[in-house]
Structures are given as C-alpha cells and as structure tokens.
PDB file of N, CA and C in Angstrom:
ATOM      1  N   MET A   1      92.877  93.725 116.836  1.00  0.00           N
ATOM      2  CA  MET A   1      91.938  92.734 117.029  1.00  0.00           C
ATOM      3  C   MET A   1      90.660  93.091 116.352  1.00  0.00           C
ATOM      4  N   TYR A   2      90.070  92.159 115.542  1.00  0.00           N
ATOM      5  CA  TYR A   2      88.622  92.073 114.780  1.00  0.00           C
ATOM      6  C   TYR A   2      87.704  91.231 115.311  1.00  0.00           C
ATOM      7  N   SER A   3      86.484  91.718 115.428  1.00  0.00           N
ATOM      8  CA  SER A   3      85.337  91.017 115.715  1.00  0.00           C
ATOM      9  C   SER A   3      85.007  90.025 114.512  1.00  0.00           C
ATOM     10  N   LYS A   4      84.194  88.904 114.694  1.00  0.00           N
ATOM     11  CA  LYS A   4      83.792  88.015 113.672  1.00  0.00           C
ATOM     12  C   LYS A   4      83.070  88.684 112.552  1.00  0.00           C
ATOM     13  N   ALA A   5      82.153  89.668 113.110  1.00  0.00           N
ATOM     14  CA  ALA A   5      81.277  90.349 112.209  1.00  0.00           C
ATOM     15  C   ALA A   5      82.229  91.293 111.170  1.00  0.00           C
ATOM     16  N   THR A   6      83.223  91.980 111.794  1.00  0.00           N
ATOM     17  CA  THR A   6      84.272  92.884 111.035  1.00  0.00           C
ATOM     18  C   THR A   6      84.968  91.945 110.076  1.00  0.00           C
ATOM     19  N   LEU A   7      85.442  90.672 110.386  1.00  0.00           N
ATOM     20  CA  LEU A   7      86.066  89.988 109.302  1.00  0.00           C
ATOM     21  C   LEU A   7      85.362  89.617 108.503  1.00  0.00           C
ATOM     22  N   LEU A   8      84.128  89.019 108.623  1.00  0.00           N
ATOM     23  CA  LEU A   8      82.778  88.738 107.707  1.00  0.00           C
ATOM     24  C   LEU A   8      82.779  89.793 106.638  1.00  0.00           C
ATOM     25  N   GLU A   9      82.719  90.968 107.162  1.00  0.00           N
ATOM     26  CA  GLU A   9      82.569  92.271 106.350  1.00  0.00           C
ATOM     27  C   GLU A   9      83.798  92.654 105.580  1.00  0.00           C
ATOM     28  N   MET A  10      84.906  92.525 106.104  1.00  0.00           N
ATOM     29  CA  MET A  10      86.074  92.610 105.537  1.00  0.00           C
ATOM     30  C   MET A  10      86.314  91.644 104.351  1.00  0.00           C
ATOM     31  N   ASN A  11      85.942  90.437 104.519  1.00  0.00           N
ATOM     32  CA  ASN A  11      85.963  89.443 103.601  1.00  0.00           C
ATOM     33  C   ASN A  11      85.110  89.221 102.564  1.00  0.00           C
ATOM     34  N   SER A  12      84.373  90.260 102.478  1.00  0.00           N
ATOM     35  CA  SER A  12      83.297  90.553 101.226  1.00  0.00           C
ATOM     36  C   SER A  12      83.223  91.860 100.848  1.00  0.00           C
ATOM     37  N   SER A  13      84.306  92.552 101.044  1.00  0.00           N
ATOM     38  CA  SER A  13      84.528  94.097 100.552  1.00  0.00           C
ATOM     39  C   SER A  13      84.945  94.051  99.174  1.00  0.00           C
ATOM     40  N   SER A  14      83.974  94.940  98.349  1.00  0.00           N
ATOM     41  CA  SER A  14      84.431  95.149  96.938  1.00  0.00           C
ATOM     42  C   SER A  14      85.908  95.895  97.097  1.00  0.00           C
ATOM     43  N   THR A  15      86.104  96.501  97.789  1.00  0.00           N
ATOM     44  CA  THR A  15      87.456  97.398  98.290  1.00  0.00           C
ATOM     45  C   THR A  15      88.721  96.378  98.363  1.00  0.00           C
ATOM     46  N   LEU A  16      88.557  95.604  99.333  1.00  0.00           N
ATOM     47  CA  LEU A  16      89.585  94.682 100.002  1.00  0.00           C
ATOM     48  C   LEU A  16      89.654  93.577  99.151  1.00  0.00           C
ATOM     49  N   GLY A  17      88.501  93.160  98.834  1.00  0.00           N
ATOM     50  CA  GLY A  17      88.598  91.825  98.146  1.00  0.00           C
ATOM     51  C   GLY A  17      87.506  90.889  98.523  1.00  0.00           C
ATOM     52  N   HIS A  18      87.494  89.682  97.989  1.00  0.00           N
ATOM     53  CA  HIS A  18      86.568  88.423  98.576  1.00  0.00           C
ATOM     54  C   HIS A  18      87.271  87.200  98.877  1.00  0.00           C
ATOM     55  N   ASN A  19      87.066  86.798 100.070  1.00  0.00           N
ATOM     56  CA  ASN A  19      87.692  85.276 100.653  1.00  0.00           C
ATOM     57  C   ASN A  19      88.976  85.494 100.705  1.00  0.00           C
ATOM     58  N   TRP A  20      89.378  86.604 101.296  1.00  0.00           N
ATOM     59  CA  TRP A  20      90.944  86.712 101.369  1.00  0.00           C
ATOM     60  C   TRP A  20      91.474  86.339 102.901  1.00  0.00           C
ATOM     61  N   ILE A  21      90.445  86.007 103.830  1.00  0.00           N
ATOM     62  CA  ILE A  21      90.764  85.757 105.363  1.00  0.00           C
ATOM     63  C   ILE A  21      89.988  84.558 105.195  1.00  0.00           C
ATOM     64  N   ILE A  22      90.923  83.123 105.957  1.00  0.00           N
ATOM     65  CA  ILE A  22      90.259  81.949 106.019  1.00  0.00           C
ATOM     66  C   ILE A  22      90.255  81.948 107.495  1.00  0.00           C
ATOM     67  N   ASN A  23      89.443  80.993 107.810  1.00  0.00           N
ATOM     68  CA  ASN A  23      89.332  80.216 109.298  1.00  0.00           C
ATOM     69  C   ASN A  23      88.427  81.166 110.012  1.00  0.00           C
ATOM     70  N   ILE A  24      87.598  82.025 109.590  1.00  0.00           N
ATOM     71  CA  ILE A  24      86.674  83.097 110.036  1.00  0.00           C
ATOM     72  C   ILE A  24      85.625  81.982 110.900  1.00  0.00           C
ATOM     73  N   GLU A  25      85.255  80.783 110.114  1.00  0.00           N
ATOM     74  CA  GLU A  25      84.051  79.988 110.946  1.00  0.00           C
ATOM     75  C   GLU A  25      84.588  79.555 112.239  1.00  0.00           C
ATOM     76  N   ASN A  26      85.871  79.588 112.552  1.00  0.00           N
ATOM     77  CA  ASN A  26      86.183  79.157 113.986  1.00  0.00           C
ATOM     78  C   ASN A  26      86.596  80.221 114.880  1.00  0.00           C
ATOM     79  N   ILE A  27      86.369  81.410 114.579  1.00  0.00           N
ATOM     80  CA  ILE A  27      86.685  82.522 115.569  1.00  0.00           C
ATOM     81  C   ILE A  27      85.338  82.705 116.407  1.00  0.00           C
ATOM     82  N   GLN A  28      85.689  82.688 117.683  1.00  0.00           N
ATOM     83  CA  GLN A  28      84.528  82.701 118.713  1.00  0.00           C
ATOM     84  C   GLN A  28      84.255  84.224 119.199  1.00  0.00           C
ATOM     85  N   ASP A  29      85.153  85.162 119.281  1.00  0.00           N
ATOM     86  CA  ASP A  29      84.831  86.397 119.785  1.00  0.00           C
ATOM     87  C   ASP A  29      85.553  87.265 119.137  1.00  0.00           C
ATOM     88  N   ASN A  30      86.943  87.672 119.328  1.00  0.00           N
ATOM     89  CA  ASN A  30      87.714  88.669 118.684  1.00  0.00           C
ATOM     90  C   ASN A  30      88.896  87.730 118.126  1.00  0.00           C
ATOM     91  N   ALA A  31      89.482  88.114 117.062  1.00  0.00           N
ATOM     92  CA  ALA A  31      90.467  87.590 116.415  1.00  0.00           C
ATOM     93  C   ALA A  31      91.619  88.462 115.798  1.00  0.00           C
ATOM     94  N   LYS A  32      92.875  87.859 115.554  1.00  0.00           N
ATOM     95  CA  LYS A  32      93.994  88.568 114.871  1.00  0.00           C
ATOM     96  C   LYS A  32      94.021  87.934 113.512  1.00  0.00           C
ATOM     97  N   ILE A  33      94.560  88.649 112.463  1.00  0.00           N
ATOM     98  CA  ILE A  33      94.645  88.130 111.163  1.00  0.00           C
ATOM     99  C   ILE A  33      96.349  88.200 111.185  1.00  0.00           C
ATOM    100  N   TYR A  34      96.623  87.075 110.443  1.00  0.00           N
ATOM    101  CA  TYR A  34      98.152  86.890 110.098  1.00  0.00           C
ATOM    102  C   TYR A  34      98.196  86.484 108.568  1.00  0.00           C
ATOM    103  N   PRO A  35      99.384  86.725 107.982  1.00  0.00           N
ATOM    104  CA  PRO A  35      99.482  86.577 106.412  1.00  0.00           C
ATOM    105  C   PRO A  35     100.223  85.111 106.412  1.00  0.00           C
ATOM    106  N   THR A  36      99.429  84.506 105.121  1.00  0.00           N
ATOM    107  CA  THR A  36     100.044  83.276 104.878  1.00  0.00           C
ATOM    108  C   THR A  36     100.993  83.139 103.900  1.00  0.00           C
ATOM    109  N   GLY A  37     101.406  82.274 103.378  1.00  0.00           N
ATOM    110  CA  GLY A  37     102.262  82.278 102.312  1.00  0.00           C
ATOM    111  C   GLY A  37     101.727  82.006 100.895  1.00  0.00           C
ATOM    112  N   ASN A  38     100.457  82.172 100.988  1.00  0.00           N
ATOM    113  CA  ASN A  38      99.505  81.869  99.761  1.00  0.00           C
ATOM    114  C   ASN A  38      98.916  83.125  99.217  1.00  0.00           C
ATOM    115  N   ALA A  39      98.618  83.415  98.006  1.00  0.00           N
ATOM    116  CA  ALA A  39      97.718  84.393  97.186  1.00  0.00           C
ATOM    117  C   ALA A  39      96.963  84.019  96.646  1.00  0.00           C
ATOM    118  N   SER A  40      95.862  85.153  96.298  1.00  0.00           N
ATOM    119  CA  SER A  40      94.834  84.598  95.359  1.00  0.00           C
ATOM    120  C   SER A  40      94.921  86.045  94.306  1.00  0.00           C
ATOM    121  N   LEU A  41      93.950  86.203  93.384  1.00  0.00           N
ATOM    122  CA  LEU A  41      93.750  87.101  92.562  1.00  0.00           C
ATOM    123  C   LEU A  41      93.670  88.374  93.180  1.00  0.00           C
ATOM    124  N   TYR A  42      93.096  88.414  94.424  1.00  0.00           N
ATOM    125  CA  TYR A  42      93.151  89.784  95.173  1.00  0.00           C
ATOM    126  C   TYR A  42      94.169  90.008  96.192  1.00  0.00           C
ATOM    127  N   GLY A  43      95.184  89.206  96.101  1.00  0.00           N
ATOM    128  CA  GLY A  43      96.410  89.315  96.872  1.00  0.00           C
ATOM    129  C   GLY A  43      96.469  88.534  97.719  1.00  0.00           C
ATOM    130  N   ARG A  44      97.395  88.631  99.047  1.00  0.00           N
ATOM    131  CA  ARG A  44      97.699  87.661 100.186  1.00  0.00           C
ATOM    132  C   ARG A  44      96.503  87.120 100.671  1.00  0.00           C
ATOM    133  N   ILE A  45      96.439  85.842 100.947  1.00  0.00           N
ATOM    134  CA  ILE A  45      95.415  84.981 101.839  1.00  0.00           C
ATOM    135  C   ILE A  45      96.093  85.149 103.489  1.00  0.00           C
ATOM    136  N   TYR A  46      95.091  85.811 104.384  1.00  0.00           N
ATOM    137  CA  TYR A  46      95.331  85.943 105.691  1.00  0.00           C
ATOM    138  C   TYR A  46      94.484  84.598 106.492  1.00  0.00           C
ATOM    139  N   VAL A  47      95.064  84.397 107.580  1.00  0.00           N
ATOM    140  CA  VAL A  47      94.283  83.339 108.643  1.00  0.00           C
ATOM    141  C   VAL A  47      94.026  84.065 109.800  1.00  0.00           C
ATOM    142  N   ALA A  48      92.611  83.998 110.065  1.00  0.00           N
ATOM    143  CA  ALA A  48      92.131  84.442 111.447  1.00  0.00           C
ATOM    144  C   ALA A  48      92.296  83.394 112.425  1.00  0.00           C
ATOM    145  N   LEU A  49      92.804  83.962 113.640  1.00  0.00           N
ATOM    146  CA  LEU A  49      93.014  83.065 114.797  1.00  0.00           C
ATOM    147  C   LEU A  49      92.587  83.774 115.916  1.00  0.00           C
ATOM    148  N   ASN A  50      91.801  83.112 116.919  1.00  0.00           N
ATOM    149  CA  ASN A  50      91.242  83.737 118.153  1.00  0.00           C
ATOM    150  C   ASN A  50      92.343  84.467 118.672  1.00  0.00           C
ATOM    151  N   ALA A  51      91.798  85.689 119.061  1.00  0.00           N
ATOM    152  CA  ALA A  51      93.024  86.586 119.681  1.00  0.00           C
ATOM    153  C   ALA A  51      93.742  86.056 120.811  1.00  0.00           C
ATOM    154  N   ASN A  52      93.184  85.256 121.614  1.00  0.00           N
ATOM    155  CA  ASN A  52      93.884  84.420 122.936  1.00  0.00           C
ATOM    156  C   ASN A  52      94.896  83.219 122.509  1.00  0.00           C
ATOM    157  N   VAL A  53      95.070  83.059 121.376  1.00  0.00           N
ATOM    158  CA  VAL A  53      95.784  81.975 120.835  1.00  0.00           C
ATOM    159  C   VAL A  53      97.342  82.357 120.640  1.00  0.00           C
ATOM    160  N   GLU A  54      98.502  81.570 121.360  1.00  0.00           N
ATOM    161  CA  GLU A  54      99.739  82.017 121.381  1.00  0.00           C
ATOM    162  C   GLU A  54     100.329  81.397 120.145  1.00  0.00           C
ATOM    163  N   LEU A  55     100.787  82.192 119.295  1.00  0.00           N
ATOM    164  CA  LEU A  55     101.604  81.432 118.090  1.00  0.00           C
ATOM    165  C   LEU A  55     102.711  80.577 118.578  1.00  0.00           C
ATOM    166  N   THR A  56     102.679  79.196 117.914  1.00  0.00           N
ATOM    167  CA  THR A  56     103.643  78.309 118.149  1.00  0.00           C
ATOM    168  C   THR A  56     104.049  77.840 116.935  1.00  0.00           C
ATOM    169  N   GLU A  57     104.979  77.166 116.803  1.00  0.00           N
ATOM    170  CA  GLU A  57     105.781  76.681 115.521  1.00  0.00           C
ATOM    171  C   GLU A  57     104.694  75.685 114.910  1.00  0.00           C
ATOM    172  N   GLU A  58     103.960  74.914 115.406  1.00  0.00           N
ATOM    173  CA  GLU A  58     102.944  74.121 115.137  1.00  0.00           C
ATOM    174  C   GLU A  58     101.907  74.907 114.347  1.00  0.00           C
ATOM    175  N   ILE A  59     101.478  76.013 114.751  1.00  0.00           N
ATOM    176  CA  ILE A  59     100.499  76.686 114.262  1.00  0.00           C
ATOM    177  C   ILE A  59     100.950  77.263 113.171  1.00  0.00           C
ATOM    178  N   ILE A  60     102.370  77.638 113.365  1.00  0.00           N
ATOM    179  CA  ILE A  60     102.620  78.687 112.004  1.00  0.00           C
ATOM    180  C   ILE A  60     103.136  77.627 110.840  1.00  0.00           C
ATOM    181  N   GLY A  61     103.579  76.442 111.108  1.00  0.00           N
ATOM    182  CA  GLY A  61     103.562  75.350 110.084  1.00  0.00           C
ATOM    183  C   GLY A  61     102.424  74.960 109.515  1.00  0.00           C
ATOM    184  N   ASN A  62     101.174  74.726 110.369  1.00  0.00           N
ATOM    185  CA  ASN A  62     100.062  74.385 109.583  1.00  0.00           C
ATOM    186  C   ASN A  62      99.044  75.591 108.971  1.00  0.00           C
ATOM    187  N   ASN A  63      99.396  76.796 109.452  1.00  0.00           N
ATOM    188  CA  ASN A  63      98.340  77.648 108.780  1.00  0.00           C
ATOM    189  C   ASN A  63      99.124  78.936 108.273  1.00  0.00           C
ATOM    190  N   LEU A  64     100.545  79.045 108.332  1.00  0.00           N
ATOM    191  CA  LEU A  64     100.906  80.268 107.885  1.00  0.00           C
ATOM    192  C   LEU A  64     101.826  80.107 106.871  1.00  0.00           C
TER     193      LEU A  64
END
C-alpha cells in the first residue's frame, strides 16, 4: 500500500519515470497500484485505486 504523497513522489521520479501512475487525484488515504494494458515511453502505466476497493470485473474492464 502507498500513501497519496508517496504515489505523487513516485510519479515524478527521475528514476521511475513521470506520469506512469494514473488516478492519483481520486485517492483518499492509502492505495494499491495495478498494471494496465497501456504503456508509455517510461514503460507500463499503472492505476492507483483506494486500498479498500475490491476488484470487480467492472473495475478491471474500465481501468486495467
């Protein structure tokens, strides 16, 4: 799990890349990140979801 502050830091890292985690603006406390089917010049794009969100087929179909 990651805090929103940690996600923002990771998302602007010169080592990890820039803007590779999406949906950070909707995180309220802690989050988990999941790989999507998309990629950028920096590599795989991940989506951050609140830690208490249970993955469903609908969420997977819309985000991952």
